[in-house]
């Protein structure tokens, strides 16, 4: 099967004339793929599936294929490090173009041609095991590139997040029926996994209805105590905003907005939280204070004061996290937790967000902590090195202070 796929890749790529460049070249590849026999198309998908299933065997979180940036190789990210799999051979740009397009439906190809980027989910079944991936196809100097991230088939147990019992209450529908919770972090920091753990904990302990709006849908929850709806943007609903608004008419208890990507989605999230629902979402920010400032800064200036007040009234919890290299060669979760106390709420309303860091540092009894405090905990537990603690910290000077280290330079 692999030999057939490689031969098909080479044949289609060699059939492309040098005189057809850019988008026209990609469209021609799409046309040629539609003319392949079912057996040839199946072989191409099986080739991609082989590369994907290999991820679970080598503990890879991501795979990258195609474009000038890969140098003709398939690349894997293993415990945070990206490396080429040179044993899989070397491919031309056009062979990668063909391989990437071979896994797309016709409507997905058309969307990719028009928008130059496509988010999608992908599944593989092999030997009675199912694997799911979230993917982004995009352009790299007129050629296609693809990143696919493995979606865990099992949810991380909630207890492994090591939250304070007060935080657990705030995340549970049983104890707090409304309010906005944000899980934040840079790309690849495990936000989706943490959010899935929180939803899973609610699903097994509280009777309710959860609506998840995601792009794409990653982990698929099985209903237990909760009805759980999965609505994928672009497939089941047109946008995060539309999905959130429609959810209000679906009798939800919890609404999960996969990502607050734009001002419209941010405003919608605040509005539906204000209507009395429990809402979870994610944001690409590295700290709790940055999260607040980013949300306010994302909306037009004329809206900022109104958003500041509404955010202070609706926000309940912010969890900002990073995955830090651990001493056993893997990665461990380090997190920062902010809870909306009266003092934090007042700081937001008065535009004094700079005061919040110290409030978190001094409120460990409530379940709050700074990232630097959690990094110290992980170091004292002999789970991370001191060097990686310094690298991962947002406020390096503060980390050096709480670790009683001499200043290393570099500031915050």
Protein backbone atom coordinates (compact mmCIF):
# COMPACT_ATOMS: atom_id res chain seq x y z
CA UNK A 1 0.00 0.00 0.00
CA UNK A 2 2.81 2.44 0.90
CA UNK A 3 4.64 1.67 -2.33
CA UNK A 4 1.43 2.37 -4.28
CA UNK A 5 0.99 5.68 -2.46
CA UNK A 6 4.57 6.79 -3.09
CA UNK A 7 4.25 5.89 -6.76
CA UNK A 8 0.97 7.83 -7.03
CA UNK A 9 2.56 10.87 -5.37
CA UNK A 10 5.44 10.79 -7.82
CA UNK A 11 3.19 10.31 -10.85
CA UNK A 12 0.88 13.22 -10.00
CA UNK A 13 3.79 15.49 -9.12
CA UNK A 14 5.63 14.66 -12.35
CA UNK A 15 2.48 15.41 -14.36
CA UNK A 16 2.47 19.04 -13.20
CA UNK A 17 3.85 21.42 -15.85
CA UNK A 18 6.48 23.94 -14.73
CA UNK A 19 4.46 26.68 -16.43
CA UNK A 20 1.60 26.48 -13.89
CA UNK A 21 2.54 28.37 -10.70
CA UNK A 22 0.93 29.34 -7.40
CA UNK A 23 -2.75 28.79 -6.71
CA UNK A 24 -3.40 27.47 -10.21
CA UNK A 25 -0.91 24.70 -9.47
CA UNK A 26 -2.76 23.74 -6.30
CA UNK A 27 -6.08 23.72 -8.15
CA UNK A 28 -4.59 21.50 -10.84
CA UNK A 29 -3.43 19.07 -8.15
CA UNK A 30 -6.97 18.99 -6.82
CA UNK A 31 -8.30 18.19 -10.30
CA UNK A 32 -5.75 15.43 -10.80
CA UNK A 33 -6.65 13.87 -7.45
CA UNK A 34 -10.31 13.62 -8.44
CA UNK A 35 -9.25 11.54 -11.44
CA UNK A 36 -7.39 8.97 -9.39
CA UNK A 37 -8.97 5.58 -8.81
CA UNK A 38 -10.55 4.83 -5.41
CA UNK A 39 -7.66 2.45 -4.70
CA UNK A 40 -5.07 5.17 -5.39
CA UNK A 41 -6.89 7.72 -3.24
CA UNK A 42 -7.19 5.18 -0.42
CA UNK A 43 -3.47 4.42 -0.67
CA UNK A 44 -2.61 8.11 -0.28
CA UNK A 45 -4.77 8.43 2.82
CA UNK A 46 -3.22 5.27 4.25
CA UNK A 47 0.22 6.76 3.77
CA UNK A 48 -0.78 9.83 5.77
CA UNK A 49 -2.44 7.60 8.36
CA UNK A 50 0.82 5.66 8.77
CA UNK A 51 2.70 8.86 9.59
CA UNK A 52 -0.01 9.88 12.05
CA UNK A 53 -0.28 6.57 13.90
CA UNK A 54 3.49 6.65 14.34
CA UNK A 55 2.97 9.67 16.60
CA UNK A 56 1.51 7.54 19.38
CA UNK A 57 4.42 5.13 19.18
CA UNK A 58 7.08 7.83 19.56
CA UNK A 59 5.14 10.06 21.99
CA UNK A 60 4.89 12.91 19.49
CA UNK A 61 2.37 15.70 20.04
CA UNK A 62 2.62 17.23 16.54
CA UNK A 63 3.54 16.39 12.98
CA UNK A 64 4.57 18.90 10.28
CA UNK A 65 4.49 18.17 6.57
CA UNK A 66 5.10 20.20 3.43
CA UNK A 67 6.29 23.64 2.40
CA UNK A 68 9.80 24.98 2.03
CA UNK A 69 10.28 25.01 5.80
CA UNK A 70 10.44 21.23 6.23
CA UNK A 71 13.28 20.64 3.77
CA UNK A 72 11.41 17.70 2.25
CA UNK A 73 11.09 15.78 5.52
CA UNK A 74 8.27 14.81 7.84
CA UNK A 75 8.86 16.42 11.25
CA UNK A 76 7.61 15.39 14.71
CA UNK A 77 7.50 17.27 18.00
CA UNK A 78 8.48 14.93 20.83
CA UNK A 79 8.37 16.27 24.40
CA UNK A 80 8.59 19.82 23.09
CA UNK A 81 11.43 19.27 20.59
CA UNK A 82 10.85 19.23 16.81
CA UNK A 83 12.99 16.86 14.76
CA UNK A 84 12.89 15.55 11.17
CA UNK A 85 12.12 11.86 10.63
CA UNK A 86 14.77 11.31 7.97
CA UNK A 87 14.09 7.58 7.88
CA UNK A 88 10.75 8.34 6.19
CA UNK A 89 12.55 9.64 3.12
CA UNK A 90 12.69 12.91 1.26
CA UNK A 91 9.76 14.43 -0.62
CA UNK A 92 9.49 17.18 -3.21
CA UNK A 93 7.30 20.21 -2.62
CA UNK A 94 4.73 18.94 -5.11
CA UNK A 95 4.65 15.47 -3.58
CA UNK A 96 3.80 17.06 -0.26
CA UNK A 97 1.20 19.26 -1.98
CA UNK A 98 -0.46 16.11 -3.34
CA UNK A 99 -0.28 14.26 -0.02
CA UNK A 100 -1.86 17.13 1.93
CA UNK A 101 -4.66 17.66 -0.58
CA UNK A 102 -5.37 13.92 -0.67
CA UNK A 103 -6.89 14.00 2.83
CA UNK A 104 -9.19 16.95 2.09
CA UNK A 105 -12.79 16.88 0.96
CA UNK A 106 -13.68 18.94 -2.11
CA UNK A 107 -15.36 21.67 -0.07
CA UNK A 108 -12.30 21.82 2.21
CA UNK A 109 -10.03 22.27 -0.80
CA UNK A 110 -12.16 25.13 -2.09
CA UNK A 111 -12.12 26.80 1.34
CA UNK A 112 -8.33 26.42 1.50
CA UNK A 113 -7.86 27.90 -1.98
CA UNK A 114 -10.01 30.90 -1.09
CA UNK A 115 -8.86 31.56 2.49
CA UNK A 116 -5.26 30.29 2.30
CA UNK A 117 -5.78 28.48 5.61
CA UNK A 118 -8.01 25.65 6.79
CA UNK A 119 -8.72 24.25 10.25
CA UNK A 120 -9.98 20.69 10.30
CA UNK A 121 -10.22 17.56 12.39
CA UNK A 122 -9.03 14.17 11.17
CA UNK A 123 -9.53 10.62 12.43
CA UNK A 124 -7.67 7.34 11.94
CA UNK A 125 -8.82 3.88 12.96
CA UNK A 126 -6.26 1.08 13.11
CA UNK A 127 -6.50 -2.28 14.84
CA UNK A 128 -9.67 -1.24 16.69
CA UNK A 129 -7.97 1.89 18.02
CA UNK A 130 -9.19 5.36 17.10
CA UNK A 131 -6.90 8.38 16.86
CA UNK A 132 -8.03 11.99 16.44
CA UNK A 133 -6.09 15.02 15.31
CA UNK A 134 -6.69 18.71 14.93
CA UNK A 135 -5.04 20.20 11.89
CA UNK A 136 -4.24 23.42 10.10
CA UNK A 137 -3.36 23.46 6.39
CA UNK A 138 -1.81 26.67 5.12
CA UNK A 139 0.49 28.12 2.48
CA UNK A 140 4.27 28.48 2.62
CA UNK A 141 5.58 30.37 -0.43
CA UNK A 142 2.77 29.07 -2.69
CA UNK A 143 3.13 25.50 -1.45
CA UNK A 144 1.01 23.68 1.09
CA UNK A 145 2.09 22.99 4.65
CA UNK A 146 0.26 21.03 7.31
CA UNK A 147 0.45 20.81 11.08
CA UNK A 148 -1.52 18.12 12.88
CA UNK A 149 -1.74 17.78 16.64
CA UNK A 150 -2.66 14.55 18.34
CA UNK A 151 -5.79 14.73 20.47
CA UNK A 152 -5.65 12.66 23.61
CA UNK A 153 -8.05 9.74 23.50
CA UNK A 154 -8.23 9.87 27.29
CA UNK A 155 -8.89 12.92 29.42
CA UNK A 156 -6.25 13.81 31.97
CA UNK A 157 -7.76 13.04 35.42
CA UNK A 158 -8.95 16.27 37.01
CA UNK A 159 -7.08 15.52 40.24
CA UNK A 160 -3.80 15.62 38.29
CA UNK A 161 -4.35 19.35 37.72
CA UNK A 162 -3.68 19.78 41.47
CA UNK A 163 -6.09 22.66 42.00
CA UNK A 164 -6.92 24.03 45.44
CA UNK A 165 -10.34 22.88 46.71
CA UNK A 166 -11.64 26.45 46.50
CA UNK A 167 -10.73 26.59 42.80
CA UNK A 168 -12.42 23.23 42.24
CA UNK A 169 -15.64 24.64 43.70
CA UNK A 170 -15.50 27.62 41.36
CA UNK A 171 -15.03 25.36 38.35
CA UNK A 172 -17.91 23.08 39.31
CA UNK A 173 -21.46 23.74 38.14
CA UNK A 174 -22.67 22.27 41.44
CA UNK A 175 -21.11 25.12 43.41
CA UNK A 176 -21.22 28.02 40.94
CA UNK A 177 -23.86 28.10 38.22
CA UNK A 178 -22.62 31.16 36.36
CA UNK A 179 -19.51 33.14 35.60
CA UNK A 180 -16.65 33.16 33.09
CA UNK A 181 -13.60 30.93 33.52
CA UNK A 182 -10.61 31.40 31.21
CA UNK A 183 -7.80 28.90 30.60
CA UNK A 184 -4.90 30.69 28.96
CA UNK A 185 -1.42 30.01 27.68
CA UNK A 186 0.74 30.10 24.60
CA UNK A 187 0.18 27.65 21.75
CA UNK A 188 0.98 24.10 22.87
CA UNK A 189 0.62 24.81 26.59
CA UNK A 190 -2.15 22.25 27.10
CA UNK A 191 -5.11 24.64 27.41
CA UNK A 192 -7.50 22.30 25.60
CA UNK A 193 -6.45 19.34 27.76
CA UNK A 194 -7.07 21.31 30.95
CA UNK A 195 -10.44 22.50 29.71
CA UNK A 196 -11.40 18.93 28.77
CA UNK A 197 -10.46 17.77 32.28
CA UNK A 198 -12.70 20.43 33.82
CA UNK A 199 -15.63 19.54 31.55
CA UNK A 200 -15.08 15.84 32.23
CA UNK A 201 -15.18 16.44 35.98
CA UNK A 202 -18.51 18.28 35.62
CA UNK A 203 -19.85 15.58 33.30
CA UNK A 204 -19.29 12.88 35.93
CA UNK A 205 -20.58 14.81 38.93
CA UNK A 206 -23.33 17.27 37.92
CA UNK A 207 -26.60 16.88 36.01
CA UNK A 208 -26.69 19.39 33.17
CA UNK A 209 -26.27 20.29 29.52
CA UNK A 210 -22.91 21.30 28.05
CA UNK A 211 -22.56 22.95 24.62
CA UNK A 212 -19.01 22.96 23.24
CA UNK A 213 -18.21 25.25 20.29
CA UNK A 214 -14.75 24.46 18.92
CA UNK A 215 -12.55 24.89 15.85
CA UNK A 216 -12.06 22.04 15.36
CA UNK A 217 -13.69 19.70 17.86
CA UNK A 218 -10.90 17.77 19.59
CA UNK A 219 -11.74 15.37 22.39
CA UNK A 220 -15.30 14.01 22.09
CA UNK A 221 -16.91 13.63 25.53
CA UNK A 222 -19.31 10.79 26.17
CA UNK A 223 -22.44 11.85 28.04
CA UNK A 224 -22.68 10.71 31.65
CA UNK A 225 -24.48 13.08 34.02
CA UNK A 226 -24.54 15.70 31.27
CA UNK A 227 -25.85 15.98 27.74
CA UNK A 228 -22.80 17.15 25.78
CA UNK A 229 -23.14 18.79 22.37
CA UNK A 230 -20.08 19.23 20.14
CA UNK A 231 -20.44 21.96 17.50
CA UNK A 232 -17.53 22.42 15.13
CA UNK A 233 -17.04 25.84 13.58
CA UNK A 234 -17.31 25.58 9.80
CA UNK A 235 -19.17 22.28 9.96
CA UNK A 236 -21.96 22.54 12.53
CA UNK A 237 -21.99 26.30 13.03
CA UNK A 238 -20.60 29.28 11.13
CA UNK A 239 -18.56 30.98 13.88
CA UNK A 240 -17.79 31.02 17.60
CA UNK A 241 -20.07 34.04 17.96
CA UNK A 242 -22.98 32.37 16.17
CA UNK A 243 -22.50 29.17 18.14
CA UNK A 244 -22.53 31.03 21.45
CA UNK A 245 -25.66 33.01 20.58
CA UNK A 246 -27.46 29.91 19.31
CA UNK A 247 -26.49 28.02 22.47
CA UNK A 248 -28.68 30.37 24.51
CA UNK A 249 -31.71 28.85 22.77
CA UNK A 250 -30.57 25.28 23.50
CA UNK A 251 -31.15 25.26 27.29
CA UNK A 252 -27.46 24.97 28.29
CA UNK A 253 -25.95 24.98 31.76
CA UNK A 254 -22.34 25.26 30.56
CA UNK A 255 -21.18 26.87 27.31
CA UNK A 256 -17.63 26.24 26.14
CA UNK A 257 -16.26 28.69 23.57
CA UNK A 258 -13.11 27.06 22.23
CA UNK A 259 -11.23 30.33 21.80
CA UNK A 260 -11.92 34.04 22.19
CA UNK A 261 -10.25 35.02 18.92
CA UNK A 262 -11.73 38.44 18.15
CA UNK A 263 -13.63 41.37 19.70
CA UNK A 264 -17.02 40.01 18.57
CA UNK A 265 -16.43 36.68 20.31
CA UNK A 266 -15.13 38.42 23.45
CA UNK A 267 -18.19 40.66 23.67
CA UNK A 268 -20.51 37.72 23.02
CA UNK A 269 -18.83 35.64 25.75
CA UNK A 270 -19.32 38.46 28.25
CA UNK A 271 -22.95 38.91 27.22
CA UNK A 272 -23.93 35.26 27.53
CA UNK A 273 -22.11 35.02 30.87
CA UNK A 274 -24.00 38.11 32.01
CA UNK A 275 -27.24 36.34 31.10
CA UNK A 276 -26.61 33.83 33.89
CA UNK A 277 -24.65 30.97 32.30
CA UNK A 278 -21.42 29.24 33.22
CA UNK A 279 -18.96 29.88 30.40
CA UNK A 280 -15.48 28.49 29.76
CA UNK A 281 -13.08 29.71 27.08
CA UNK A 282 -9.39 30.00 26.21
CA UNK A 283 -7.08 32.85 25.26
CA UNK A 284 -3.49 33.01 24.00
CA UNK A 285 -1.98 34.90 26.93
CA UNK A 286 0.82 33.97 29.31
CA UNK A 287 -0.50 35.36 32.60
CA UNK A 288 -3.69 36.32 34.40
CA UNK A 289 -2.93 40.03 34.36
CA UNK A 290 -2.05 39.93 30.66
CA UNK A 291 -5.36 38.13 30.05
CA UNK A 292 -7.37 40.98 31.57
CA UNK A 293 -5.39 43.64 29.74
CA UNK A 294 -5.66 41.74 26.44
CA UNK A 295 -9.44 41.37 26.64
CA UNK A 296 -9.93 45.05 27.36
CA UNK A 297 -7.38 46.09 24.74
CA UNK A 298 -8.95 43.92 22.03
CA UNK A 299 -12.22 45.87 21.90
CA UNK A 300 -12.63 49.35 20.38
CA UNK A 301 -11.58 52.18 22.70
CA UNK A 302 -15.15 53.45 23.03
CA UNK A 303 -16.17 50.03 24.39
CA UNK A 304 -13.27 49.52 26.79
CA UNK A 305 -14.74 51.06 29.93
CA UNK A 306 -17.98 49.11 29.52
CA UNK A 307 -16.02 45.89 28.90
CA UNK A 308 -13.80 46.57 31.91
CA UNK A 309 -16.84 46.79 34.21
CA UNK A 310 -18.58 43.80 32.65
CA UNK A 311 -15.41 41.69 32.82
CA UNK A 312 -14.96 42.53 36.50
CA UNK A 313 -18.57 41.50 37.17
CA UNK A 314 -18.60 38.25 35.16
CA UNK A 315 -15.08 36.80 35.43
CA UNK A 316 -14.63 34.20 38.17
CA UNK A 317 -11.33 32.42 37.50
CA UNK A 318 -8.28 32.64 35.24
CA UNK A 319 -5.87 29.72 34.92
CA UNK A 320 -2.71 30.55 32.95
CA UNK A 321 -0.40 27.66 32.26
CA UNK A 322 2.80 26.41 30.67
CA UNK A 323 4.27 22.98 30.00
CA UNK A 324 7.79 22.89 31.44
CA UNK A 325 10.48 20.29 30.64
CA UNK A 326 10.66 17.91 33.59
CA UNK A 327 13.59 16.00 35.04
CA UNK A 328 12.25 12.72 33.65
CA UNK A 329 12.55 14.03 30.07
CA UNK A 330 8.86 14.77 29.67
CA UNK A 331 6.86 17.90 30.51
CA UNK A 332 4.94 18.99 33.58
CA UNK A 333 2.13 21.52 34.01
CA UNK A 334 2.96 24.80 35.75
CA UNK A 335 0.07 27.17 36.34
CA UNK A 336 -1.00 30.54 37.67
CA UNK A 337 -4.46 30.92 39.23
CA UNK A 338 -6.43 34.12 39.76
CA UNK A 339 -9.78 34.12 41.56
CA UNK A 340 -12.15 37.06 41.39
CA UNK A 341 -12.09 38.36 44.97
CA UNK A 342 -13.52 41.79 45.85
CA UNK A 343 -9.98 43.23 45.78
CA UNK A 344 -9.24 41.81 42.32
CA UNK A 345 -12.61 43.02 41.04
CA UNK A 346 -11.91 46.52 42.34
CA UNK A 347 -8.44 46.54 40.76
CA UNK A 348 -9.94 45.72 37.36
CA UNK A 349 -12.71 48.32 37.63
CA UNK A 350 -10.22 50.99 38.72
CA UNK A 351 -7.76 50.06 35.94
CA UNK A 352 -5.14 49.04 38.47
CA UNK A 353 -4.40 45.58 37.09
CA UNK A 354 -0.74 45.96 38.04
CA UNK A 355 -1.77 45.33 41.67
CA UNK A 356 -3.26 41.89 40.94
CA UNK A 357 0.02 39.97 40.80
CA UNK A 358 0.76 40.75 44.46
CA UNK A 359 -2.80 39.87 45.42
CA UNK A 360 -2.33 36.43 43.87
CA UNK A 361 1.03 35.98 45.58
CA UNK A 362 -0.50 36.70 48.99
CA UNK A 363 -3.71 34.66 48.62
CA UNK A 364 -2.54 31.06 48.57
CA UNK A 365 -5.08 30.17 51.25
CA UNK A 366 -7.82 30.99 48.72
CA UNK A 367 -6.25 28.89 45.98
CA UNK A 368 -4.51 31.69 44.11
CA UNK A 369 -0.88 31.47 43.07
CA UNK A 370 1.53 33.11 40.67
CA UNK A 371 3.34 31.11 38.02
CA UNK A 372 6.60 31.77 39.82
CA UNK A 373 5.23 30.27 43.06
CA UNK A 374 4.10 27.15 41.23
CA UNK A 375 7.48 26.82 39.52
CA UNK A 376 9.11 26.98 42.95
CA UNK A 377 6.74 24.20 44.13
CA UNK A 378 7.70 22.02 41.16
CA UNK A 379 11.41 22.66 41.79
CA UNK A 380 11.11 21.84 45.51
CA UNK A 381 9.32 18.60 44.55
CA UNK A 382 12.32 17.78 42.32
CA UNK A 383 10.16 17.71 39.20
CA UNK A 384 11.91 20.48 37.22
CA UNK A 385 15.40 21.94 37.12
CA UNK A 386 16.20 25.40 38.43
CA UNK A 387 17.27 26.47 34.95
CA UNK A 388 13.95 25.47 33.40
CA UNK A 389 12.14 27.23 36.23
CA UNK A 390 13.92 30.46 35.36
CA UNK A 391 13.22 30.05 31.64
CA UNK A 392 9.52 29.31 32.18
CA UNK A 393 8.86 32.16 34.62
CA UNK A 394 7.05 35.26 33.37
CA UNK A 395 8.65 37.47 36.01
CA UNK A 396 12.24 36.24 36.22
CA UNK A 397 13.28 38.78 38.83
CA UNK A 398 10.45 37.72 41.11
CA UNK A 399 11.31 34.03 40.62
CA UNK A 400 14.92 34.72 41.53
CA UNK A 401 13.74 36.54 44.66
CA UNK A 402 11.49 33.75 45.94
CA UNK A 403 14.22 31.21 45.18
CA UNK A 404 16.80 33.41 46.97
CA UNK A 405 18.92 33.56 43.82
CA UNK A 406 21.35 36.26 42.84
CA UNK A 407 19.94 38.39 39.96
CA UNK A 408 20.78 36.86 36.59
CA UNK A 409 19.93 39.91 34.51
CA UNK A 410 17.24 40.22 31.88
CA UNK A 411 14.56 41.84 34.08
CA UNK A 412 10.97 40.67 34.02
